[in-house]
Amino acid sequence: MNGVRRALSVVLWCARELTGEAEYDRYCRHHRRRHPHAPVPTRREYQLLRALRSEGESPGRCC
């Protein structure tokens, strides 16, 4: 039974990492720790901020 639970937890961990679910959770922990009085952005707000940040940080691209 422990082997099955461990295997399932590894599969779930991998799925969360691949889908980006864990990244948002890490961001929320970081945000709460660094900015305890500020509201935590929703998942949608976080994804928008992340998209804007990645577009702004990338060097000029042709497309």
N, C-alpha and C. Protein backbone atom coordinates (compact mmCIF):
# COMPACT_ATOMS: atom_id res chain seq x y z
N MET A 1 0.82 -1.20 0.00
CA MET A 1 0.00 0.00 0.00
C MET A 1 0.86 1.26 0.00
N ASN A 2 1.94 1.27 0.79
CA ASN A 2 2.82 2.44 0.82
C ASN A 2 3.46 2.69 -0.53
N GLY A 3 3.80 1.62 -1.25
CA GLY A 3 4.40 1.77 -2.57
C GLY A 3 3.44 2.42 -3.55
N VAL A 4 2.18 2.06 -3.46
CA VAL A 4 1.16 2.63 -4.35
C VAL A 4 0.96 4.11 -4.01
N ARG A 5 0.89 4.42 -2.74
CA ARG A 5 0.74 5.84 -2.33
C ARG A 5 1.93 6.67 -2.78
N ARG A 6 3.10 6.12 -2.61
CA ARG A 6 4.30 6.86 -3.02
C ARG A 6 4.32 7.09 -4.52
N ALA A 7 3.98 6.06 -5.28
CA ALA A 7 3.95 6.19 -6.74
C ALA A 7 2.90 7.22 -7.16
N LEU A 8 1.74 7.18 -6.52
CA LEU A 8 0.69 8.14 -6.84
C LEU A 8 1.12 9.56 -6.51
N SER A 9 1.79 9.74 -5.37
CA SER A 9 2.24 11.09 -5.01
C SER A 9 3.29 11.60 -5.98
N VAL A 10 4.15 10.72 -6.49
CA VAL A 10 5.15 11.13 -7.49
C VAL A 10 4.46 11.54 -8.78
N VAL A 11 3.47 10.76 -9.20
CA VAL A 11 2.74 11.09 -10.43
C VAL A 11 2.01 12.42 -10.28
N LEU A 12 1.37 12.64 -9.15
CA LEU A 12 0.67 13.90 -8.91
C LEU A 12 1.64 15.08 -8.86
N TRP A 13 2.81 14.87 -8.23
CA TRP A 13 3.81 15.93 -8.17
C TRP A 13 4.26 16.29 -9.59
N CYS A 14 4.53 15.29 -10.41
CA CYS A 14 4.97 15.54 -11.79
C CYS A 14 3.89 16.28 -12.58
N ALA A 15 2.64 15.87 -12.42
CA ALA A 15 1.55 16.52 -13.13
C ALA A 15 1.42 17.99 -12.72
N ARG A 16 1.53 18.26 -11.43
CA ARG A 16 1.43 19.65 -10.95
C ARG A 16 2.59 20.49 -11.48
N GLU A 17 3.78 19.92 -11.54
CA GLU A 17 4.93 20.66 -12.05
C GLU A 17 4.78 20.94 -13.55
N LEU A 18 4.32 19.94 -14.30
CA LEU A 18 4.19 20.10 -15.75
C LEU A 18 3.08 21.08 -16.14
N THR A 19 2.02 21.13 -15.37
CA THR A 19 0.90 22.01 -15.71
C THR A 19 1.07 23.42 -15.17
N GLY A 20 2.04 23.64 -14.29
CA GLY A 20 2.26 24.97 -13.73
C GLY A 20 1.46 25.21 -12.46
N GLU A 21 0.71 24.24 -12.02
CA GLU A 21 -0.09 24.37 -10.80
C GLU A 21 0.80 24.65 -9.60
N ALA A 22 1.91 23.97 -9.49
CA ALA A 22 2.81 24.14 -8.36
C ALA A 22 3.48 25.51 -8.38
N GLU A 23 3.70 26.05 -9.56
CA GLU A 23 4.35 27.37 -9.66
C GLU A 23 3.48 28.45 -9.01
N TYR A 24 2.19 28.40 -9.25
CA TYR A 24 1.28 29.37 -8.64
C TYR A 24 1.28 29.21 -7.12
N ASP A 25 1.28 27.98 -6.64
CA ASP A 25 1.31 27.74 -5.19
C ASP A 25 2.59 28.29 -4.57
N ARG A 26 3.72 28.10 -5.25
CA ARG A 26 5.00 28.65 -4.76
C ARG A 26 4.95 30.18 -4.73
N TYR A 27 4.36 30.75 -5.77
CA TYR A 27 4.23 32.22 -5.83
C TYR A 27 3.38 32.72 -4.68
N CYS A 28 2.27 32.03 -4.39
CA CYS A 28 1.38 32.45 -3.30
C CYS A 28 2.12 32.41 -1.96
N ARG A 29 2.89 31.35 -1.72
CA ARG A 29 3.66 31.26 -0.47
C ARG A 29 4.66 32.40 -0.38
N HIS A 30 5.36 32.66 -1.48
CA HIS A 30 6.34 33.74 -1.52
C HIS A 30 5.66 35.09 -1.27
N HIS A 31 4.54 35.31 -1.94
CA HIS A 31 3.83 36.59 -1.81
C HIS A 31 3.35 36.80 -0.38
N ARG A 32 2.80 35.77 0.23
CA ARG A 32 2.32 35.90 1.61
C ARG A 32 3.47 36.17 2.58
N ARG A 33 4.62 35.56 2.31
CA ARG A 33 5.78 35.74 3.18
C ARG A 33 6.36 37.15 3.03
N ARG A 34 6.50 37.62 1.80
CA ARG A 34 7.13 38.91 1.54
C ARG A 34 6.19 40.11 1.68
N HIS A 35 4.91 39.90 1.41
CA HIS A 35 3.93 40.98 1.43
C HIS A 35 2.70 40.53 2.23
N PRO A 36 2.85 40.37 3.55
CA PRO A 36 1.78 39.79 4.35
C PRO A 36 0.47 40.58 4.35
N HIS A 37 0.51 41.87 4.09
CA HIS A 37 -0.71 42.67 4.14
C HIS A 37 -1.33 42.90 2.77
N ALA A 38 -0.64 42.53 1.73
CA ALA A 38 -1.17 42.72 0.37
C ALA A 38 -2.01 41.51 -0.03
N PRO A 39 -3.08 41.73 -0.77
CA PRO A 39 -3.89 40.58 -1.22
C PRO A 39 -3.12 39.75 -2.24
N VAL A 40 -3.32 38.45 -2.19
CA VAL A 40 -2.67 37.54 -3.13
C VAL A 40 -3.45 37.58 -4.44
N PRO A 41 -2.75 37.77 -5.56
CA PRO A 41 -3.46 37.78 -6.85
C PRO A 41 -4.15 36.44 -7.12
N THR A 42 -5.27 36.52 -7.81
CA THR A 42 -5.95 35.29 -8.21
C THR A 42 -5.09 34.57 -9.24
N ARG A 43 -5.44 33.35 -9.52
CA ARG A 43 -4.68 32.58 -10.52
C ARG A 43 -4.70 33.30 -11.87
N ARG A 44 -5.86 33.84 -12.24
CA ARG A 44 -5.97 34.55 -13.52
C ARG A 44 -5.08 35.79 -13.53
N GLU A 45 -5.08 36.56 -12.44
CA GLU A 45 -4.23 37.75 -12.35
C GLU A 45 -2.76 37.35 -12.41
N TYR A 46 -2.42 36.27 -11.73
CA TYR A 46 -1.04 35.79 -11.75
C TYR A 46 -0.62 35.41 -13.17
N GLN A 47 -1.47 34.70 -13.88
CA GLN A 47 -1.13 34.29 -15.24
C GLN A 47 -0.97 35.50 -16.16
N LEU A 48 -1.80 36.51 -15.97
CA LEU A 48 -1.68 37.72 -16.77
C LEU A 48 -0.37 38.45 -16.46
N LEU A 49 -0.06 38.60 -15.17
CA LEU A 49 1.20 39.24 -14.78
C LEU A 49 2.39 38.48 -15.34
N ARG A 50 2.33 37.17 -15.26
CA ARG A 50 3.43 36.33 -15.77
C ARG A 50 3.59 36.50 -17.27
N ALA A 51 2.48 36.54 -18.00
CA ALA A 51 2.55 36.71 -19.46
C ALA A 51 3.13 38.08 -19.81
N LEU A 52 2.68 39.12 -19.11
CA LEU A 52 3.19 40.46 -19.38
C LEU A 52 4.68 40.55 -19.06
N ARG A 53 5.08 39.93 -17.96
CA ARG A 53 6.49 39.95 -17.57
C ARG A 53 7.34 39.22 -18.61
N SER A 54 6.87 38.09 -19.09
CA SER A 54 7.68 37.33 -20.05
C SER A 54 7.78 38.07 -21.38
N GLU A 55 6.74 38.79 -21.77
CA GLU A 55 6.79 39.56 -23.01
C GLU A 55 7.73 40.75 -22.86
N GLY A 56 7.75 41.36 -21.69
CA GLY A 56 8.59 42.53 -21.49
C GLY A 56 10.05 42.19 -21.31
N GLU A 57 10.35 41.02 -20.81
CA GLU A 57 11.74 40.66 -20.54
C GLU A 57 12.44 40.07 -21.76
N SER A 58 11.68 39.60 -22.72
CA SER A 58 12.32 38.95 -23.85
C SER A 58 12.94 39.99 -24.77
N PRO A 59 14.08 39.67 -25.36
CA PRO A 59 14.68 40.61 -26.31
C PRO A 59 13.80 40.71 -27.55
N GLY A 60 14.04 41.71 -28.37
CA GLY A 60 13.23 41.90 -29.56
C GLY A 60 13.13 40.64 -30.42
N ARG A 61 11.92 40.34 -30.81
CA ARG A 61 11.71 39.16 -31.64
C ARG A 61 11.02 39.60 -32.92
N CYS A 62 11.13 38.78 -33.93
CA CYS A 62 10.52 39.14 -35.21
C CYS A 62 9.02 38.88 -35.21
N CYS A 63 8.53 37.99 -34.33
CA CYS A 63 7.08 37.69 -34.34
C CYS A 63 6.50 37.70 -32.96
